[in-house]
């Protein structure tokens, strides 16, 4: 159990007679109307109709989301493809001076990496949309060990960005998919580093309350209150130009949300502009 009073310098602070008009029986004086007996089968039909209608609406909504997602994926892939194709054509036609060839090759490589990252994220989301937890064998995962591994993987990114990353963890074991849990934590910590300020700090916490808690705090610029509900949407970018510059796909937080749901948990965000942001994931204990 970890007390909320614990923290570190710069940690984000906590944020706080029937009506005739409705088709009832007639109220005319002296009028008697026979009403046929309502059988259970007949009475059940409206309920079944409502259920079917609700199901149809949900299917239509899912189909609309699928079409929008497909359109967004196509749009996002088109940009790096155009860059790759354009630079490759210039090089193939001998229009690039020899001294500029390495720079053009580097640009092609970077765009190819961006496309690969996008495809990887799309595949993860597609898998989360289609696979249920019962369909796979869950294994015992120590979230603290996963968090330490993530921080090690991101050590160079943090050093290059001038951001200090600290860990404060207790052993917490849950039953889950280790690959998804690692990607979920990776996305949160990577965002906390990329969108931080120079000489900023990130604190990654893992501890146990009535649930397994994963908390990532940063000292970045924060998120406007009216944008907090949108940041988990697919392809939503708070700062589109900066996200593109930093290599974001716009799917990282959507993966976090769906990975938490996959494990029966949830994710919450608190933020204060010019003070920082805190993401908290809560997952059921084993």
Foldseek 3Di string as FASTA:
>chain_A
DDDPVDDDPLWFDDDDCDDVVVVHDDPDPPDDDDDDDQDPVNVCVVVVVVVVVVVVVVVVVVVVVVVVVVVVLVVLLVVLVVLLVVLVVCVVVVNDPPVCVVVSVVSNVLSVVLNVVLVVLVVLVVCLVPDALVVDFWDKDFLLVLLVVLCVVCVVVLVVQQEAEEEAEDGAIATHDSVLSSLLSNLLVVCLRLQAHHNKYWYWYWDDDQFTKTKIKIFGQKDDPVCQVPLLDAQDDRDVVSCVVSSHNSHSSVSNQSSLVSQVWGKHKDIDGNRIIMIMITGHGD
